[in-house]
Protein backbone atom coordinates (compact mmCIF):
# COMPACT_ATOMS: atom_id res chain seq x y z
CA MET A 1 5.81 -8.20 15.59
CA GLY A 2 5.74 -4.77 17.45
CA THR A 3 2.82 -2.17 18.44
CA GLY A 4 1.27 0.08 16.43
CA TYR A 5 -1.56 0.44 13.78
CA SER A 6 -0.10 1.33 10.45
CA ALA A 7 -1.37 -0.95 7.58
CA PRO A 8 1.63 -2.79 5.61
CA SER A 9 2.49 -1.23 2.98
CA ILE A 10 3.28 -3.59 -0.55
CA ARG A 11 4.73 -3.06 -3.81
CA GLU A 12 6.83 -5.42 -6.44
CA GLY A 13 6.93 -8.48 -4.20
CA ARG A 14 8.36 -5.96 -0.95
CA LEU A 15 6.25 -5.79 1.79
CA VAL A 16 7.34 -2.69 4.72
CA LEU A 17 6.13 -2.32 8.06
CA HIS A 18 6.72 0.56 10.37
CA HIS A 19 5.96 -0.76 14.00
CA ARG A 20 7.20 -0.29 17.77
CA LEU A 21 9.65 -2.55 19.90
CA GLY A 22 10.77 -1.17 22.74
CA ASN A 23 12.04 2.36 23.10
CA GLU A 24 12.36 2.40 18.87
CA GLU A 25 10.24 2.72 15.72
CA ILE A 26 11.36 0.24 13.14
CA ILE A 27 10.89 0.53 9.35
CA GLU A 28 11.06 -3.15 8.22
CA ALA A 29 11.23 -4.57 4.89
CA MET A 30 9.76 -8.18 4.31
CA ASP A 31 9.45 -10.87 1.74
CA ALA A 32 5.72 -9.89 0.82
CA ALA A 33 5.65 -13.93 0.39
CA THR A 34 7.31 -15.44 3.23
CA GLY A 35 7.67 -12.74 5.64
CA ALA A 36 11.68 -12.99 5.60
CA THR A 37 13.26 -9.44 6.40
CA LEU A 38 15.27 -7.98 4.31
CA TRP A 39 16.46 -4.79 5.86
CA LYS A 40 15.40 -2.83 9.16
CA HIS A 41 15.72 1.11 9.43
CA ALA A 42 15.32 1.93 13.50
CA TYR A 43 15.19 4.93 15.62
CA PRO A 44 14.58 5.93 19.32
CA THR A 45 11.09 7.24 20.28
CA ARG A 46 9.61 8.06 23.74
CA PHE A 47 6.09 8.60 22.69
CA VAL A 48 3.52 7.64 25.25
CA ASP A 49 -0.38 7.93 24.16
CA PRO A 50 -1.70 10.06 26.13
CA PHE A 51 -4.86 8.08 26.54
CA GLY A 52 -3.07 4.97 27.12
CA TYR A 53 -3.53 3.08 23.76
CA ASN A 54 -0.27 1.63 22.27
CA ASN A 55 2.65 3.57 21.37
CA GLY A 56 3.57 2.38 18.00
CA PRO A 57 3.28 4.48 14.85
CA ARG A 58 -0.32 5.14 13.11
CA CYS A 59 0.61 6.06 9.57
CA SER A 60 1.27 3.73 7.10
CA PRO A 61 4.32 3.68 4.54
CA LEU A 62 4.30 5.26 1.13
CA LEU A 63 6.01 3.35 -1.54
CA THR A 64 7.30 4.08 -4.85
CA ALA A 65 9.26 2.40 -7.46
CA ASP A 66 12.91 3.36 -5.46
CA LEU A 67 11.75 5.26 -2.40
CA CYS A 68 9.98 4.34 0.87
CA TYR A 69 8.27 7.57 3.17
CA THR A 70 7.13 7.14 6.77
CA LEU A 71 5.66 9.01 9.46
CA GLY A 72 5.67 8.45 12.96
CA ALA A 73 4.40 8.90 16.08
CA GLU A 74 6.28 11.70 16.94
CA GLY A 75 6.11 13.11 13.41
CA ILE A 76 9.61 12.00 12.39
CA LEU A 77 9.54 12.46 8.98
CA LEU A 78 12.05 9.73 6.49
CA CYS A 79 12.45 8.93 2.88
CA LEU A 80 14.33 6.05 2.59
CA ARG A 81 15.87 4.25 -0.28
CA LEU A 82 13.07 1.09 -1.10
CA ASN A 83 16.22 -1.43 -2.04
CA ASP A 84 18.10 -1.47 1.15
CA GLY A 85 16.38 1.53 3.87
CA ALA A 86 19.18 3.69 3.51
CA VAL A 87 18.21 7.53 4.79
CA VAL A 88 17.61 9.65 1.90
CA TRP A 89 16.47 12.86 4.21
CA ARG A 90 14.60 13.25 7.27
CA ARG A 91 12.67 15.97 8.92
CA GLU A 92 11.79 16.74 12.57
CA THR A 93 8.05 18.39 11.72
CA GLN A 94 7.29 18.60 15.08
CA ALA A 95 10.07 21.09 15.75
CA ASP A 96 10.32 22.39 11.90
CA PHE A 97 6.19 23.63 12.11
CA ASN A 98 5.50 24.17 15.81
CA VAL A 99 3.29 20.97 15.75
CA PRO A 100 0.93 21.11 19.52
CA GLU A 101 1.17 17.21 21.10
CA ALA A 102 -1.72 15.81 19.72
CA PHE A 103 -4.33 13.39 21.27
CA PHE A 104 -3.15 10.25 19.94
CA GLY A 105 -0.05 10.80 18.46
CA VAL A 106 0.46 11.76 14.64
CA GLY A 107 -1.84 9.59 12.44
CA SER A 108 -1.94 10.88 8.76
CA SER A 109 -0.63 9.33 6.38
CA PRO A 110 1.41 11.29 3.51
CA VAL A 111 0.31 11.38 -0.43
CA LEU A 112 2.46 12.27 -3.31
CA GLU A 113 1.79 13.62 -6.57
CA ASP A 114 4.12 15.35 -9.14
CA GLY A 115 7.21 15.30 -6.54
CA ARG A 116 5.59 16.56 -3.88
CA LEU A 117 5.36 14.82 -0.41
CA LEU A 118 1.56 16.58 0.88
CA VAL A 119 1.26 15.70 4.73
CA MET A 120 -0.92 17.22 7.17
CA LEU A 121 1.43 18.02 10.14
CA GLY A 122 -1.14 20.31 12.44
CA GLY A 123 1.77 23.29 12.38
CA GLN A 124 1.34 26.67 13.70
CA PRO A 125 -0.03 29.54 12.71
CA ASN A 126 -0.59 28.28 9.33
CA ALA A 127 1.06 24.81 8.50
CA ALA A 128 -1.88 22.16 9.20
CA VAL A 129 -0.71 20.94 5.58
CA VAL A 130 2.89 21.31 4.32
CA ALA A 131 4.14 19.89 1.07
CA PHE A 132 7.73 18.67 0.77
CA ASP A 133 9.96 18.31 -1.94
CA ALA A 134 9.53 14.58 -2.62
CA ALA A 135 13.50 14.02 -3.41
CA THR A 136 14.92 16.32 -0.93
CA GLY A 137 12.81 17.08 1.87
CA LYS A 138 12.88 20.74 1.29
CA THR A 139 9.78 22.71 2.02
CA LEU A 140 8.27 24.03 -0.77
CA TRP A 141 4.35 25.10 1.16
CA GLN A 142 2.17 25.32 3.82
CA ASN A 143 -1.02 26.45 4.68
CA GLY A 144 -4.09 25.90 6.73
CA GLY A 145 -4.52 27.64 10.02
CA GLU A 146 -5.11 31.21 10.83
CA LYS A 147 -5.22 32.21 7.20
CA THR A 148 -7.26 29.83 5.84
CA TRP A 149 -9.99 29.43 8.69
CA ASN A 150 -10.52 33.19 10.38
CA GLY A 151 -13.99 34.07 8.85
CA GLU A 152 -15.29 30.95 7.94
CA PRO A 153 -18.63 29.98 9.35
CA MET A 154 -19.04 27.51 12.06
CA VAL A 155 -21.29 25.40 10.42
CA GLY A 156 -23.87 23.56 12.43
CA TRP A 157 -22.81 25.19 15.90
CA PRO A 158 -25.21 27.44 17.78
CA GLY A 159 -25.95 30.43 15.68
CA GLU A 160 -23.23 29.43 13.00
CA ARG A 161 -20.70 32.36 14.46
CA THR A 162 -17.47 33.14 12.23
CA ILE A 163 -14.03 31.63 13.06
CA GLN A 164 -12.07 33.96 15.55
CA TRP A 165 -8.47 32.61 15.16
CA ASN A 166 -6.99 32.60 18.63
CA GLU A 167 -2.99 30.87 18.83
CA ALA A 168 -3.33 30.96 22.49
CA ASP A 169 -6.56 28.70 22.58
CA PRO A 170 -6.09 25.00 22.99
CA ALA A 171 -9.23 24.25 20.25
CA PHE A 172 -7.24 25.78 17.87
CA GLN A 173 -3.89 25.00 18.14
CA LYS A 174 -4.58 21.30 17.22
CA GLN A 175 -4.88 20.90 13.61
CA ALA A 176 -4.21 17.66 12.22
CA SER A 177 -6.45 14.90 12.62
CA TYR A 178 -6.33 11.00 11.84
CA CYS A 179 -6.84 10.49 8.25
CA SER A 180 -4.81 10.71 4.95
CA PRO A 181 -5.69 13.44 2.42
CA VAL A 182 -7.35 12.80 -0.92
CA LEU A 183 -6.60 13.80 -4.03
CA ALA A 184 -9.10 14.36 -6.62
CA THR A 185 -10.29 16.04 -10.12
CA ILE A 186 -13.52 18.17 -9.65
CA HIS A 187 -14.65 19.94 -12.52
CA GLY A 188 -11.48 20.37 -14.19
CA GLN A 189 -9.52 21.46 -11.43
CA ARG A 190 -7.13 19.43 -8.67
CA HIS A 191 -7.83 19.38 -4.83
CA LEU A 192 -5.90 18.10 -2.12
CA LEU A 193 -8.63 17.36 0.27
CA CYS A 194 -7.81 17.24 4.11
CA CYS A 195 -10.26 16.48 6.75
CA THR A 196 -8.38 18.46 9.72
CA ARG A 197 -9.23 18.68 12.87
CA GLN A 198 -11.11 21.70 12.26
CA GLY A 199 -13.00 20.44 9.39
CA LEU A 200 -13.08 19.73 5.72
CA LEU A 201 -10.00 21.88 3.87
CA SER A 202 -9.15 21.97 -0.02
CA LEU A 203 -6.28 23.21 -1.30
CA ASN A 204 -4.30 23.58 -4.57
CA PRO A 205 -2.12 20.45 -4.38
CA ALA A 206 0.48 22.75 -6.68
CA THR A 207 0.38 25.91 -4.65
CA GLY A 208 -1.39 25.04 -1.43
CA GLU A 209 -3.61 27.81 -2.50
CA LYS A 210 -7.03 27.77 -0.74
CA ARG A 211 -9.97 26.74 -2.65
CA PHE A 212 -12.42 26.44 0.31
CA ALA A 213 -13.21 25.29 3.94
CA PHE A 214 -15.94 23.45 5.77
CA TRP A 215 -16.24 23.39 9.31
CA PHE A 216 -16.99 19.95 10.45
CA ARG A 217 -16.14 19.36 14.02
CA ALA A 218 -17.85 17.79 17.03
CA ARG A 219 -18.55 20.44 19.59
CA GLN A 220 -16.76 18.80 22.64
CA ASP A 221 -13.04 19.31 22.87
CA SER A 222 -11.74 15.48 23.62
CA SER A 223 -13.26 14.61 19.89
CA VAL A 224 -11.43 14.08 16.57
CA ASN A 225 -11.58 13.83 12.65
CA ALA A 226 -10.32 10.18 11.44
CA MET A 227 -12.43 9.18 8.60
CA SER A 228 -10.57 10.13 4.86
CA PRO A 229 -12.84 12.10 2.79
CA VAL A 230 -14.67 9.86 0.48
CA VAL A 231 -15.05 11.44 -3.35
CA GLN A 232 -17.24 10.88 -6.34
CA ASP A 233 -17.49 12.82 -9.25
CA ASP A 234 -17.99 16.34 -7.72
CA CYS A 235 -19.35 15.37 -4.38
CA VAL A 236 -17.24 14.98 -0.95
CA LEU A 237 -18.38 12.70 2.05
CA VAL A 238 -16.87 13.35 5.58
CA SER A 239 -18.44 11.85 8.48
CA SER A 240 -17.05 11.25 12.23
CA ALA A 241 -18.46 9.28 15.15
CA TYR A 242 -18.18 11.23 17.77
CA PHE A 243 -21.08 13.61 19.72
CA ARG A 244 -23.41 12.85 17.29
CA SER A 245 -21.73 15.01 14.60
CA GLY A 246 -22.76 12.35 11.72
CA SER A 247 -21.96 12.67 7.82
CA VAL A 248 -22.32 15.71 5.35
CA LEU A 249 -22.21 15.52 1.38
CA LEU A 250 -21.11 18.23 -0.02
CA LYS A 251 -21.80 19.46 -3.96
CA VAL A 252 -18.31 21.29 -5.15
CA GLN A 253 -19.30 24.06 -7.51
CA PRO A 254 -17.79 24.88 -11.07
CA ASP A 255 -15.97 27.49 -9.65
CA GLY A 256 -13.92 25.00 -7.19
CA LYS A 257 -14.14 28.04 -4.18
CA SER A 258 -17.63 27.13 -3.19
CA PHE A 259 -20.27 24.09 -2.34
CA VAL A 260 -23.69 23.34 -1.23
CA GLU A 261 -24.66 20.45 1.17
CA VAL A 262 -26.45 17.72 -0.01
CA TRP A 263 -27.21 16.33 2.99
CA ARG A 264 -26.04 15.46 6.59
CA GLY A 265 -27.26 13.53 9.02
CA THR A 266 -26.57 10.74 11.80
CA GLN A 267 -27.07 7.73 9.81
CA LEU A 268 -23.72 7.04 9.03
CA GLU A 269 -21.05 7.62 11.86
CA MET A 270 -17.74 6.47 10.97
CA HIS A 271 -14.97 6.53 13.80
CA TRP A 272 -11.80 5.91 11.81
CA SER A 273 -12.57 3.34 8.94
CA ARG A 274 -13.62 4.43 5.60
CA PRO A 275 -16.79 3.28 4.33
CA VAL A 276 -16.74 1.56 0.40
CA LEU A 277 -19.04 3.29 -2.34
CA ASP A 278 -20.37 1.05 -4.84
CA GLN A 279 -23.37 1.21 -7.51
CA GLY A 280 -24.44 4.48 -5.74
CA HIS A 281 -24.55 2.72 -2.25
CA LEU A 282 -22.27 3.21 1.05
CA PHE A 283 -21.22 0.23 3.17
CA GLY A 284 -19.53 0.77 6.51
CA PHE A 285 -19.24 0.06 9.94
CA SER A 286 -21.01 3.23 11.76
CA GLY A 287 -20.11 3.89 15.55
CA ARG A 288 -18.28 5.27 18.46
CA ASN A 289 -17.59 2.41 20.78
CA GLU A 290 -17.90 -1.05 20.76
CA PRO A 291 -21.32 -1.13 21.98
CA ASP A 292 -22.31 1.42 19.32
CA GLY A 293 -21.32 -0.73 16.33
CA ARG A 294 -23.62 -1.34 13.34
CA PHE A 295 -22.95 -2.18 9.83
CA ARG A 296 -24.91 -0.03 7.38
CA CYS A 297 -25.89 0.30 4.06
CA VAL A 298 -26.71 4.36 2.96
CA ASP A 299 -27.41 5.87 -0.41
CA TRP A 300 -25.04 8.31 -1.19
CA ALA A 301 -27.49 10.36 -3.15
CA ASP A 302 -29.33 11.43 -0.13
CA GLY A 303 -28.18 9.67 2.77
CA ARG A 304 -31.47 7.55 3.10
CA LEU A 305 -30.64 3.97 5.16
CA ARG A 306 -30.99 1.22 3.15
CA TRP A 307 -30.60 -1.49 6.09
CA ASP A 308 -28.91 -1.62 9.49
CA ARG A 309 -27.84 -4.53 11.44
CA MET A 310 -26.45 -4.55 14.92
CA GLU A 311 -22.54 -5.15 15.29
CA GLY A 312 -22.18 -3.74 18.66
CA TRP A 313 -20.76 -5.48 22.11
CA PRO A 314 -23.91 -6.69 23.88
CA ASN A 315 -24.70 -5.64 26.97
CA GLY A 316 -21.42 -3.13 26.76
CA GLY A 317 -19.28 -5.41 27.37
CA HIS A 318 -15.61 -4.01 26.43
CA ALA A 319 -13.61 -5.52 24.09
CA LYS A 320 -10.50 -6.70 26.21
CA LEU A 321 -10.79 -10.43 26.44
CA ALA A 322 -9.76 -12.50 29.47
CA PRO A 323 -7.25 -15.37 28.46
CA GLY A 324 -9.02 -17.89 27.07
CA GLU A 325 -12.30 -16.01 26.31
CA LYS A 326 -14.15 -16.46 23.13
CA PRO A 327 -14.54 -13.67 21.08
CA PRO A 328 -18.18 -12.15 20.44
CA GLU A 329 -19.95 -12.99 17.32
CA TYR A 330 -19.70 -9.54 16.11
CA TYR A 331 -17.38 -7.07 13.76
CA GLY A 332 -18.03 -4.18 16.37
CA ARG A 333 -16.54 -1.22 14.64
CA GLY A 334 -15.37 -2.95 12.37
CA SER A 335 -12.84 -2.21 8.61
CA LEU A 336 -14.09 -2.64 4.84
CA ILE A 337 -12.25 -3.26 1.69
CA TRP A 338 -13.90 -3.97 -1.89
CA ALA A 339 -12.50 -6.33 -4.30
CA GLU A 340 -13.98 -8.02 -7.01
CA ASP A 341 -17.63 -6.60 -6.32
CA LYS A 342 -17.18 -8.40 -2.65
CA LEU A 343 -16.74 -6.93 0.70
CA ILE A 344 -14.05 -7.96 2.83
CA ALA A 345 -14.74 -7.04 6.50
CA LEU A 346 -12.36 -7.38 9.48
CA GLY A 347 -14.13 -7.19 12.93
CA GLU A 348 -11.77 -5.23 15.90
CA CYS A 349 -11.39 -8.87 17.50
CA GLY A 350 -10.27 -10.88 14.37
CA ARG A 351 -13.50 -11.83 12.95
CA LEU A 352 -12.91 -11.85 9.13
CA GLY A 353 -16.01 -11.93 6.66
CA LEU A 354 -16.92 -11.28 2.77
CA PHE A 355 -20.05 -9.94 1.92
CA THR A 356 -21.92 -9.09 -1.53
CA THR A 357 -22.57 -5.16 -2.03
CA ASP A 358 -26.34 -5.99 -1.94
CA ALA A 359 -28.12 -2.61 -1.35
CA GLU A 360 -31.74 -4.67 -0.41
CA LYS A 361 -30.52 -6.42 2.79
CA PRO A 362 -27.05 -7.54 4.52
CA ARG A 363 -25.87 -10.68 2.42
CA GLU A 364 -22.94 -12.24 4.54
CA LEU A 365 -21.51 -15.45 2.22
CA GLY A 366 -19.07 -16.88 5.17
CA PHE A 367 -17.07 -15.69 8.41
CA TRP A 368 -14.13 -16.92 10.23
CA GLN A 369 -12.45 -16.13 13.20
CA VAL A 370 -8.67 -15.75 12.25
CA PRO A 371 -6.42 -17.68 14.86
CA GLY A 372 -4.40 -15.31 17.13
CA LEU A 373 -6.12 -12.09 15.83
CA GLN A 374 -7.18 -10.11 18.72
CA TYR A 375 -8.54 -6.95 19.70
CA PRO A 376 -7.92 -4.26 18.96
CA ALA A 377 -7.40 -5.57 15.08
CA TRP A 378 -8.15 -1.46 14.24
CA THR A 379 -5.89 -1.56 10.95
CA GLY A 380 -8.07 -2.39 8.06
CA PRO A 381 -7.15 -5.71 5.74
CA VAL A 382 -4.45 -4.68 2.68
CA LEU A 383 -5.08 -7.31 -0.22
CA ALA A 384 -2.19 -7.35 -3.16
CA HIS A 385 -1.42 -10.06 -5.31
CA HIS A 386 -4.00 -12.62 -3.77
CA ARG A 387 -3.03 -12.44 -0.54
CA LEU A 388 -4.71 -10.77 2.59
CA TYR A 389 -2.70 -9.04 5.00
CA LEU A 390 -4.20 -8.64 8.88
CA ARG A 391 -2.86 -7.13 11.74
CA ASP A 392 -3.84 -6.48 15.29
CA GLU A 393 -0.85 -4.62 18.24
CA ALA A 394 1.18 -7.78 18.08
CA LEU A 395 0.64 -10.17 14.96
CA LEU A 396 1.05 -10.13 11.44
CA VAL A 397 -0.95 -12.52 9.24
CA CYS A 398 -0.86 -13.22 5.43
CA LEU A 399 -3.72 -15.47 4.16
CA ASP A 400 -3.77 -16.77 0.54
CA TRP A 401 -6.48 -15.38 -0.98
CA LYS A 402 -6.53 -17.02 -4.47
CA LYS A 403 -9.87 -18.02 -5.71
CA GLU A 404 -10.10 -21.53 -5.70
CA PRO A 405 -10.79 -22.70 -9.44
CA GLY A 406 -14.65 -23.34 -10.16
CA ARG A 407 -15.71 -21.25 -7.48
């Protein structure tokens, strides 16, 4: 398999992976049970990660009954036929929407609703988020930028001065972040919640109209937002691991345009993975760097830290292993998914574990170092039809995840 951080997507027995081999980004459809290739679509790419991370795609394919949508590291937005990979439409988003070069390439997967493909692009001056006609690729609306942020308070910054948008200022040019938008119904209104580089932006997904904006950005320039918002009822959680940004829980008011801050703190600092919310408790791997990794449980309602388990690398060691070196017995900054009241955890060096959602103490039921899986295994696990799919920068693994009879 080629490089990238894109998770595979599975639908009706077909798996689609977006990865890079050589100077091509490849969208590859496989039989989800066997891994046999069904079709491939490739196009050239010259993307080089400015910080030296891998140069593959970051966004996961979006599958419908008959179409496949992908967004590449350089912003190539594609719609392919799912049965054979033929191109339906293509958009060059960086050129079409004047998107400045991002820190780590394009990393926000699109979402789909009511025939609209909703994409966080970060275009200037007012195209942070763009809606496309899912059938044709035609632009339906765009918003996010000067019009939505100018005059908003810079919450949490000294003096909480208001935002004065300046297109010439690099601090405002980069609008996109590295997390997918989230669709939610709050007080009967539909919200498209996008955690952009500047903070949380809520738009009407049908029209692009701004509902509200909440400044949530670390004070230093070399920082990003990379966790997709978590929503329950009328509350929205955003979190970041950069420069003690921590987490903030907002409660949206019935008008859909205002909110109050419920709690804020550094007890949960999510880098790129998303915490699991279960029975009023958040479970997640907190921390920005390998030595900082913590596995924590935090109360959703008030942010109280219930328990904390160290997962960081001892002695501040970097996770790049020498040939033959044994991986550490830690998850580091892992990823979690929830299934049948259990948490499936994947550590960034390929440690796979199973936990209960116990708010009193961490309860690890078992763990296993997946053979061949190495740092950086930063893509979250994918579970579909009793199969668990895991990947790092070079390997895609499918595990039988059926429950044994009597267990």
